[in-house]
Amino acid sequence: MRKLLLAAAFPAALLAVPAAAQDYPADTTTAAPAPEAPDGTRAFGIEPYLGVMGGWEQFDSERNRADIPTGFRNNELNGSLVQGVVGFNVPLGPVFVGAEGEVAKGISGDIDWQYGAAGRFGLRAGESGLFYGKVGYRWVNFDRFGNDSRDYHDVTYGVGFEVGPKSIGLGGITGESGFRLRGEVSTFGKAHSFRPMLGVVTHF
């Protein structure tokens, strides 16, 4: 009797093995897609960019480490600016670090030229947004002091944001967020100036 049961169970087991195999997903050897940042770019790598910004800077009348003269019109030096920036981001998943250089030209007021460099660090937000802080060093030359004016220099600090086409509803126009609107506020030295800027940067 035991031999008959074993003989009947053996074919049943052979039929059950293929049926059970169908309950498990097939093993695939294809590699998983590379991780991406929220804006569709690579999550890790280098993203160079360049941009143009415009804004205003106003220096206070207090003595400062850069030795900028005081006591002029309204006890303040100020002016409108147009600025070019070039730099790169290093995405690290949801965060990023990077560095950039800048050159600004005064359009009106007391400022002639500015140039400097800074490091950036921050968070990626939403579809194509960035929130960042920056620390750098900037040289300032004032048109008010004549053509032979020296450059005044000090550490700078700032915070800002970037928002891309997908974040502002333009994904259907540009497809991918190469262009971003950028806003930033920075200061010269120990809060001796107020410098709001707004412009456009393109990542490539």
Protein backbone atom coordinates (compact mmCIF):
# COMPACT_ATOMS: atom_id res chain seq x y z
CA MET A 1 0.00 0.00 0.00
CA ARG A 2 2.84 2.37 0.88
CA LYS A 3 4.47 1.66 -2.50
CA LEU A 4 1.25 2.53 -4.31
CA LEU A 5 0.98 5.88 -2.47
CA LEU A 6 4.58 6.77 -3.32
CA ALA A 7 4.03 5.84 -6.95
CA ALA A 8 0.97 8.12 -7.13
CA ALA A 9 2.66 11.00 -5.33
CA PHE A 10 5.73 11.11 -7.59
CA PRO A 11 3.92 12.17 -10.82
CA ALA A 12 1.83 14.65 -8.85
CA ALA A 13 5.00 16.26 -7.50
CA LEU A 14 6.45 16.54 -11.00
CA LEU A 15 3.33 18.38 -12.16
CA ALA A 16 3.29 20.68 -9.13
CA VAL A 17 6.83 22.03 -9.62
CA PRO A 18 6.14 23.85 -12.95
CA ALA A 19 2.84 25.15 -11.60
CA ALA A 20 4.55 26.57 -8.51
CA ALA A 21 7.24 28.20 -10.61
CA GLN A 22 4.58 30.23 -12.40
CA ASP A 23 3.69 31.91 -9.09
CA TYR A 24 7.11 33.64 -8.88
CA PRO A 25 8.22 36.47 -11.16
CA ALA A 26 10.85 35.63 -13.71
CA ASP A 27 14.39 36.58 -12.77
CA THR A 28 15.51 39.54 -14.84
CA THR A 29 19.14 40.41 -15.36
CA THR A 30 18.57 43.93 -16.73
CA ALA A 31 20.26 46.66 -14.65
CA ALA A 32 18.13 49.12 -12.73
CA PRO A 33 17.94 52.61 -14.27
CA ALA A 34 20.44 55.14 -12.98
CA PRO A 35 19.08 57.29 -10.13
CA GLU A 36 17.89 60.75 -11.09
CA ALA A 37 17.54 64.08 -9.31
CA PRO A 38 14.07 65.65 -8.96
CA ASP A 39 14.56 67.64 -12.19
CA GLY A 40 15.34 64.55 -14.27
CA THR A 41 19.10 65.05 -14.38
CA ARG A 42 21.59 62.58 -12.97
CA ALA A 43 21.54 62.29 -9.19
CA PHE A 44 25.33 62.19 -9.09
CA GLY A 45 27.81 63.96 -11.36
CA ILE A 46 28.73 67.51 -12.34
CA GLU A 47 26.28 70.13 -13.66
CA PRO A 48 27.95 73.24 -15.11
CA TYR A 49 25.87 76.40 -15.50
CA LEU A 50 26.06 80.05 -16.47
CA GLY A 51 23.70 82.96 -16.01
CA VAL A 52 22.94 86.67 -16.05
CA MET A 53 21.48 88.59 -13.12
CA GLY A 54 20.57 92.14 -12.26
CA GLY A 55 20.04 93.94 -8.98
CA TRP A 56 21.08 96.58 -6.50
CA GLU A 57 23.61 96.90 -3.71
CA GLN A 58 23.67 99.44 -0.90
CA PHE A 59 26.59 99.78 1.53
CA ASP A 60 26.04 101.17 5.02
CA SER A 61 27.94 104.08 6.54
CA GLU A 62 29.64 102.11 9.33
CA ARG A 63 33.35 101.49 9.48
CA ASN A 64 34.23 98.07 8.14
CA ARG A 65 37.16 95.72 7.83
CA ALA A 66 37.52 96.48 4.12
CA ASP A 67 38.15 100.18 4.96
CA ILE A 68 35.55 101.51 2.52
CA PRO A 69 35.39 105.31 3.01
CA THR A 70 32.24 106.74 4.57
CA GLY A 71 30.70 110.18 4.79
CA PHE A 72 29.56 110.58 1.19
CA ARG A 73 26.14 111.40 -0.19
CA ASN A 74 23.54 110.21 2.32
CA ASN A 75 26.44 108.48 4.09
CA GLU A 76 25.94 105.49 1.76
CA LEU A 77 27.42 104.02 -1.41
CA ASN A 78 25.01 102.21 -3.70
CA GLY A 79 24.15 101.38 -7.29
CA SER A 80 22.43 99.06 -9.74
CA LEU A 81 24.34 96.10 -11.15
CA VAL A 82 24.33 93.59 -13.99
CA GLN A 83 26.22 90.38 -13.26
CA GLY A 84 27.44 87.29 -15.04
CA VAL A 85 27.95 84.01 -13.15
CA VAL A 86 29.55 80.72 -14.17
CA GLY A 87 29.90 77.65 -11.99
CA PHE A 88 29.06 74.03 -11.39
CA ASN A 89 26.94 71.90 -9.07
CA VAL A 90 27.86 68.47 -7.76
CA PRO A 91 24.53 66.68 -7.10
CA LEU A 92 24.55 64.28 -4.16
CA GLY A 93 21.04 62.87 -4.38
CA PRO A 94 18.66 65.29 -2.63
CA VAL A 95 21.43 67.77 -1.78
CA PHE A 96 24.23 69.44 -3.73
CA VAL A 97 27.48 71.36 -3.35
CA GLY A 98 29.24 73.56 -5.88
CA ALA A 99 31.27 76.65 -6.66
CA GLU A 100 30.89 79.69 -8.88
CA GLY A 101 32.63 82.84 -10.04
CA GLU A 102 30.99 86.20 -10.70
CA VAL A 103 31.72 89.50 -12.41
CA ALA A 104 29.39 92.50 -12.00
CA LYS A 105 29.36 95.93 -13.63
CA GLY A 106 27.71 98.98 -12.10
CA ILE A 107 25.04 100.52 -14.31
CA SER A 108 24.19 103.56 -12.19
CA GLY A 109 25.27 104.91 -8.83
CA ASP A 110 28.60 104.59 -7.05
CA ILE A 111 29.73 101.05 -7.95
CA ASP A 112 32.08 100.45 -10.90
CA TRP A 113 33.11 96.76 -10.88
CA GLN A 114 32.78 93.72 -8.64
CA TYR A 115 34.24 90.25 -8.96
CA GLY A 116 34.52 87.25 -6.70
CA ALA A 117 34.07 83.54 -6.08
CA ALA A 118 31.94 81.50 -3.69
CA GLY A 119 31.03 78.00 -2.65
CA ARG A 120 27.39 76.90 -2.66
CA PHE A 121 25.54 74.18 -0.78
CA GLY A 122 21.87 73.39 -0.44
CA LEU A 123 18.83 71.22 -1.09
CA ARG A 124 16.97 70.16 -4.21
CA ALA A 125 13.24 70.84 -3.92
CA GLY A 126 10.22 69.86 -5.96
CA GLU A 127 10.53 69.16 -9.67
CA SER A 128 13.48 71.43 -10.39
CA GLY A 129 14.03 73.79 -7.46
CA LEU A 130 17.10 74.60 -5.40
CA PHE A 131 17.48 76.32 -2.04
CA TYR A 132 21.04 77.24 -1.18
CA GLY A 133 23.46 79.15 0.99
CA LYS A 134 26.78 80.52 -0.20
CA VAL A 135 30.03 81.82 1.28
CA GLY A 136 32.72 83.54 -0.74
CA TYR A 137 35.02 86.49 -1.23
CA ARG A 138 34.32 89.62 -3.27
CA TRP A 139 36.30 92.61 -4.52
CA VAL A 140 34.49 95.93 -5.07
CA ASN A 141 35.66 99.00 -6.99
CA PHE A 142 33.71 102.26 -6.67
CA ASP A 143 33.26 104.62 -9.61
CA ARG A 144 32.78 107.46 -7.13
CA PHE A 145 36.46 107.33 -6.14
CA GLY A 146 37.77 107.81 -9.71
CA ASN A 147 39.63 105.65 -12.21
CA ASP A 148 42.53 105.00 -9.83
CA SER A 149 40.29 103.72 -7.04
CA ARG A 150 41.56 100.68 -5.17
CA ASP A 151 39.59 97.45 -4.82
CA TYR A 152 37.97 96.86 -1.43
CA HIS A 153 37.51 93.23 -0.48
CA ASP A 154 35.92 91.10 2.19
CA VAL A 155 34.02 87.85 2.83
CA THR A 156 30.47 87.62 1.49
CA TYR A 157 27.47 85.56 2.59
CA GLY A 158 24.20 84.88 0.87
CA VAL A 159 21.07 82.74 0.47
CA GLY A 160 19.00 82.10 -2.60
CA PHE A 161 16.72 79.89 -4.64
CA GLU A 162 16.37 78.56 -8.17
CA VAL A 163 13.12 77.42 -9.72
CA GLY A 164 12.88 75.65 -13.08
CA PRO A 165 10.22 75.43 -15.78
CA LYS A 166 8.55 72.34 -14.33
CA SER A 167 8.13 74.08 -10.99
CA ILE A 168 6.45 77.13 -12.53
CA GLY A 169 4.24 75.30 -15.02
CA LEU A 170 6.39 75.58 -18.16
CA GLY A 171 7.28 71.91 -18.55
CA GLY A 172 5.29 71.67 -21.78
CA ILE A 173 7.30 74.47 -23.39
CA THR A 174 10.85 73.50 -22.61
CA GLY A 175 10.52 69.79 -21.86
CA GLU A 176 13.46 69.63 -19.44
CA SER A 177 14.42 72.29 -16.94
CA GLY A 178 17.59 73.70 -18.50
CA PHE A 179 16.68 77.29 -17.57
CA ARG A 180 15.97 78.37 -14.02
CA LEU A 181 14.83 81.63 -12.47
CA ARG A 182 17.29 82.57 -9.72
CA GLY A 183 16.88 84.97 -6.79
CA GLU A 184 19.55 85.77 -4.23
CA VAL A 185 20.31 88.12 -1.33
CA SER A 186 23.89 88.58 -0.12
CA THR A 187 25.93 90.91 2.06
CA PHE A 188 29.50 92.25 2.11
CA GLY A 189 31.56 91.66 5.25
CA LYS A 190 29.67 91.64 8.53
CA ALA A 191 26.34 92.76 7.07
CA HIS A 192 27.78 96.02 5.68
CA SER A 193 25.71 95.85 2.51
CA PHE A 194 22.35 94.63 1.21
CA ARG A 195 22.46 93.08 -2.29
CA PRO A 196 19.26 91.56 -3.79
CA MET A 197 19.69 90.03 -7.28
CA LEU A 198 17.37 88.31 -9.75
CA GLY A 199 18.15 86.61 -13.04
CA VAL A 200 18.23 83.46 -15.16
CA VAL A 201 20.74 80.61 -15.16
CA THR A 202 20.97 77.74 -17.63
CA HIS A 203 22.26 74.29 -16.67
CA PHE A 204 23.82 72.09 -19.34
